[in-house]
Amino acid sequence: MSALLDNTAPTTKRAMLFSLAVAGVAVVLYLFAVQPSQDAVAKVRRELDALEGQLRVTVRDLKDSPRVKSMLADVETARKPFMDALLTPLLESWAMRAKSKLDPLAADVGLKVTDYAELPVRALPLPKPVPRQLYARRPIRVTAQGSYAEIASFILRVEKMLPYVSLQALTIKAQRTPEAQTAEIVLEWPAKGALSVPAGGGKR
């Protein structure tokens, strides 16, 4: 190569060196400018394709929103009886929450409730890890006075209005007056409470 350059005319030498320099600059420009730009363009194109896919999904979901809303409404309707029956503490008292739900039903049939008492909870098997909210079955003893018909009507109303609440026990202490019987009714509720809520319970 050196001998060839020595035998070449100066003008030709300059032309060859110029060509080599241009080629070198072209390689450098490709490696450090053109190729990175092409990679950036390809990356932007991929991101644009992904965004267009998300846009198509969003447009489809928006078109389908009335059906989704209808399905959600059906789920809420099916969920409502259970949520209405679910017992949660009111001012840290399970009996007070039961009182707030049962007093109107007792009043509707003329039954006089004299006491609400919490009985020991029946815990359900817990998953691991233990959740922050615990579910169990909590019995509440209702002491009431009224006629046999009023007591029966009250229990029937509870079963109708709170279908997930079950009758665990019923004791009637016969009195001299048929219209003023004393009944102890134990109702078992699906219960939900925080992890710190004690498992046992007493009168509130």
Protein backbone atom coordinates (compact mmCIF):
# COMPACT_ATOMS: atom_id res chain seq x y z
CA MET A 1 0.00 0.00 0.00
CA SER A 2 2.87 2.36 0.91
CA ALA A 3 4.71 1.58 -2.35
CA LEU A 4 1.52 2.18 -4.30
CA LEU A 5 1.11 5.60 -2.69
CA ASP A 6 4.74 6.46 -3.42
CA ASN A 7 4.23 5.78 -7.13
CA THR A 8 0.95 7.69 -7.25
CA ALA A 9 0.71 11.30 -8.39
CA PRO A 10 0.18 13.90 -5.63
CA THR A 11 -3.26 14.80 -6.95
CA THR A 12 -4.36 11.20 -6.87
CA LYS A 13 -2.91 10.77 -3.39
CA ARG A 14 -4.93 13.70 -2.11
CA ALA A 15 -8.06 12.33 -3.74
CA MET A 16 -7.56 8.91 -2.18
CA LEU A 17 -6.85 10.36 1.27
CA PHE A 18 -9.91 12.58 0.95
CA SER A 19 -12.04 9.57 0.03
CA LEU A 20 -10.73 7.61 3.00
CA ALA A 21 -11.43 10.54 5.28
CA VAL A 22 -14.97 10.88 3.93
CA ALA A 23 -15.54 7.15 4.38
CA GLY A 24 -14.27 7.33 7.95
CA VAL A 25 -16.52 10.26 8.73
CA ALA A 26 -19.45 8.39 7.17
CA VAL A 27 -18.75 5.32 9.35
CA VAL A 28 -18.49 7.46 12.48
CA LEU A 29 -21.71 9.31 11.62
CA TYR A 30 -23.54 6.02 11.03
CA LEU A 31 -22.30 4.44 14.25
CA PHE A 32 -22.87 7.43 16.51
CA ALA A 33 -25.73 9.30 14.84
CA VAL A 34 -27.71 7.33 12.25
CA GLN A 35 -27.89 3.97 14.03
CA PRO A 36 -28.90 5.45 17.45
CA SER A 37 -31.55 7.52 15.66
CA GLN A 38 -32.89 4.41 13.93
CA ASP A 39 -32.98 2.57 17.27
CA ALA A 40 -34.80 5.50 18.88
CA VAL A 41 -37.30 5.60 16.02
CA ALA A 42 -37.90 1.85 16.36
CA LYS A 43 -38.43 2.21 20.11
CA VAL A 44 -40.87 5.08 19.63
CA ARG A 45 -42.71 3.02 17.00
CA ARG A 46 -43.07 0.11 19.45
CA GLU A 47 -44.33 2.43 22.18
CA LEU A 48 -46.78 3.99 19.73
CA ASP A 49 -48.07 0.55 18.74
CA ALA A 50 -48.55 -0.31 22.43
CA LEU A 51 -50.43 2.95 23.08
CA GLU A 52 -52.62 2.37 20.04
CA GLY A 53 -53.42 -1.11 21.42
CA GLN A 54 -54.37 0.40 24.79
CA LEU A 55 -56.50 2.99 23.02
CA ARG A 56 -58.37 0.28 21.11
CA VAL A 57 -59.02 -1.62 24.36
CA THR A 58 -60.21 1.58 26.09
CA VAL A 59 -62.55 2.45 23.21
CA ARG A 60 -63.92 -1.09 23.27
CA ASP A 61 -64.46 -0.93 27.04
CA LEU A 62 -66.20 2.44 26.75
CA LYS A 63 -68.55 1.03 24.12
CA ASP A 64 -69.20 -1.92 26.44
CA SER A 65 -69.70 0.20 29.59
CA PRO A 66 -73.55 -0.10 29.68
CA ARG A 67 -73.24 -3.90 29.83
CA VAL A 68 -70.54 -3.68 32.51
CA LYS A 69 -72.68 -1.27 34.54
CA SER A 70 -75.63 -3.63 34.25
CA MET A 71 -73.49 -6.57 35.43
CA LEU A 72 -72.19 -4.49 38.35
CA ALA A 73 -75.75 -3.55 39.32
CA ASP A 74 -76.72 -7.26 39.31
CA VAL A 75 -73.74 -8.09 41.53
CA GLU A 76 -74.63 -5.31 43.98
CA THR A 77 -78.25 -6.52 44.10
CA ALA A 78 -77.15 -10.08 44.87
CA ARG A 79 -74.63 -8.80 47.45
CA LYS A 80 -77.03 -6.52 49.34
CA PRO A 81 -78.89 -9.18 51.42
CA PHE A 82 -75.59 -10.55 52.72
CA MET A 83 -74.18 -7.09 53.48
CA ASP A 84 -77.40 -6.12 55.27
CA ALA A 85 -77.13 -9.24 57.45
CA LEU A 86 -73.39 -8.87 58.11
CA LEU A 87 -72.83 -7.84 61.72
CA THR A 88 -70.17 -5.23 62.45
CA PRO A 89 -69.49 -3.48 65.76
CA LEU A 90 -71.36 -0.25 66.46
CA LEU A 91 -69.39 1.89 68.93
CA GLU A 92 -67.37 -1.28 69.68
CA SER A 93 -70.56 -3.17 70.55
CA TRP A 94 -71.94 -6.08 68.56
CA ALA A 95 -75.16 -6.08 70.59
CA MET A 96 -75.75 -2.42 69.80
CA ARG A 97 -75.47 -3.13 66.07
CA ALA A 98 -77.93 -6.01 66.41
CA LYS A 99 -80.26 -3.71 68.36
CA SER A 100 -80.18 -1.13 65.54
CA LYS A 101 -81.25 -3.81 63.05
CA LEU A 102 -83.77 -5.71 65.16
CA ASP A 103 -85.59 -2.95 67.06
CA PRO A 104 -87.53 -1.79 63.96
CA LEU A 105 -88.59 -5.39 63.19
CA ALA A 106 -89.73 -5.94 66.78
CA ALA A 107 -91.64 -2.67 66.79
CA ASP A 108 -93.46 -3.65 63.59
CA VAL A 109 -95.05 -6.66 65.34
CA GLY A 110 -95.53 -5.05 68.74
CA LEU A 111 -92.82 -7.10 70.50
CA LYS A 112 -91.02 -5.42 73.42
CA VAL A 113 -87.30 -6.20 73.50
CA THR A 114 -85.82 -5.79 76.96
CA ASP A 115 -82.20 -6.87 76.43
CA TYR A 116 -79.54 -7.70 73.86
CA ALA A 117 -76.52 -9.77 74.91
CA GLU A 118 -73.45 -10.98 73.07
CA LEU A 119 -72.62 -14.68 73.35
CA PRO A 120 -69.18 -16.24 72.69
CA VAL A 121 -68.25 -16.06 69.03
CA ARG A 122 -67.89 -19.19 66.91
CA ALA A 123 -64.75 -18.55 64.90
CA LEU A 124 -64.31 -19.85 61.37
CA PRO A 125 -61.06 -21.41 60.06
CA LEU A 126 -58.61 -18.63 59.14
CA PRO A 127 -56.43 -18.51 56.03
CA LYS A 128 -52.71 -17.75 56.21
CA PRO A 129 -51.62 -15.05 56.44
CA VAL A 130 -54.37 -13.96 58.83
CA PRO A 131 -56.32 -11.06 57.23
CA ARG A 132 -56.77 -7.70 58.93
CA GLN A 133 -60.53 -8.28 58.87
CA LEU A 134 -61.90 -11.43 60.51
CA TYR A 135 -65.15 -13.23 59.73
CA ALA A 136 -67.05 -15.44 62.14
CA ARG A 137 -70.52 -16.46 63.34
CA ARG A 138 -71.62 -14.35 66.32
CA PRO A 139 -74.68 -15.31 68.40
CA ILE A 140 -76.77 -12.50 69.91
CA ARG A 141 -79.34 -13.32 72.61
CA VAL A 142 -82.50 -11.23 72.40
CA THR A 143 -84.75 -11.12 75.46
CA ALA A 144 -88.26 -9.95 74.66
CA GLN A 145 -91.80 -9.89 76.01
CA GLY A 146 -94.95 -10.38 74.00
CA SER A 147 -97.55 -12.87 72.91
CA TYR A 148 -96.80 -16.12 71.13
CA ALA A 149 -98.05 -14.57 67.89
CA GLU A 150 -95.79 -11.52 68.28
CA ILE A 151 -92.76 -13.70 69.02
CA ALA A 152 -93.44 -15.89 65.98
CA SER A 153 -94.07 -12.85 63.77
CA PHE A 154 -90.79 -11.30 64.90
CA ILE A 155 -88.80 -14.43 64.03
CA LEU A 156 -90.50 -14.69 60.64
CA ARG A 157 -89.69 -11.03 59.90
CA VAL A 158 -86.05 -11.57 60.83
CA GLU A 159 -85.86 -14.58 58.49
CA LYS A 160 -87.43 -12.55 55.69
CA MET A 161 -85.52 -9.26 56.11
CA LEU A 162 -82.20 -10.79 57.19
CA PRO A 163 -82.01 -14.13 55.35
CA TYR A 164 -78.40 -14.85 56.39
CA VAL A 165 -79.25 -14.57 60.11
CA SER A 166 -80.21 -17.95 61.54
CA LEU A 167 -82.24 -18.92 64.59
CA GLN A 168 -79.95 -20.84 66.94
CA ALA A 169 -82.22 -21.25 69.98
CA LEU A 170 -85.63 -20.22 71.27
CA THR A 171 -86.77 -20.46 74.89
CA ILE A 172 -90.18 -19.25 76.07
CA LYS A 173 -90.84 -18.84 79.78
CA ALA A 174 -94.57 -19.19 80.19
CA GLN A 175 -96.26 -16.41 82.16
CA ARG A 176 -99.72 -16.18 83.65
CA THR A 177 -100.81 -13.77 80.94
CA PRO A 178 -100.70 -15.32 77.45
CA GLU A 179 -100.12 -11.89 75.92
CA ALA A 180 -96.96 -11.28 77.97
CA GLN A 181 -94.67 -14.28 77.48
CA THR A 182 -90.92 -13.88 78.06
CA ALA A 183 -88.77 -15.24 75.22
CA GLU A 184 -85.04 -15.68 74.84
CA ILE A 185 -84.15 -15.80 71.16
CA VAL A 186 -80.58 -16.57 70.09
CA LEU A 187 -79.82 -15.35 66.57
CA GLU A 188 -76.55 -16.27 64.88
CA TRP A 189 -75.10 -13.61 62.57
CA PRO A 190 -72.34 -13.62 59.99
CA ALA A 191 -69.93 -11.17 61.64
CA LYS A 192 -67.03 -9.05 60.50
CA GLY A 193 -64.59 -7.23 62.73
CA ALA A 194 -61.05 -5.91 62.96
CA LEU A 195 -58.20 -8.17 64.01
CA SER A 196 -58.02 -6.41 67.40
CA VAL A 197 -61.66 -7.20 68.27
CA PRO A 198 -61.80 -9.83 71.10
CA ALA A 199 -63.13 -13.26 70.19
CA GLY A 200 -65.42 -13.44 73.22
CA GLY A 201 -68.23 -11.14 74.28
CA GLY A 202 -70.51 -10.24 77.13
CA LYS A 203 -73.47 -8.05 77.78
CA ARG A 204 -73.38 -4.53 76.39
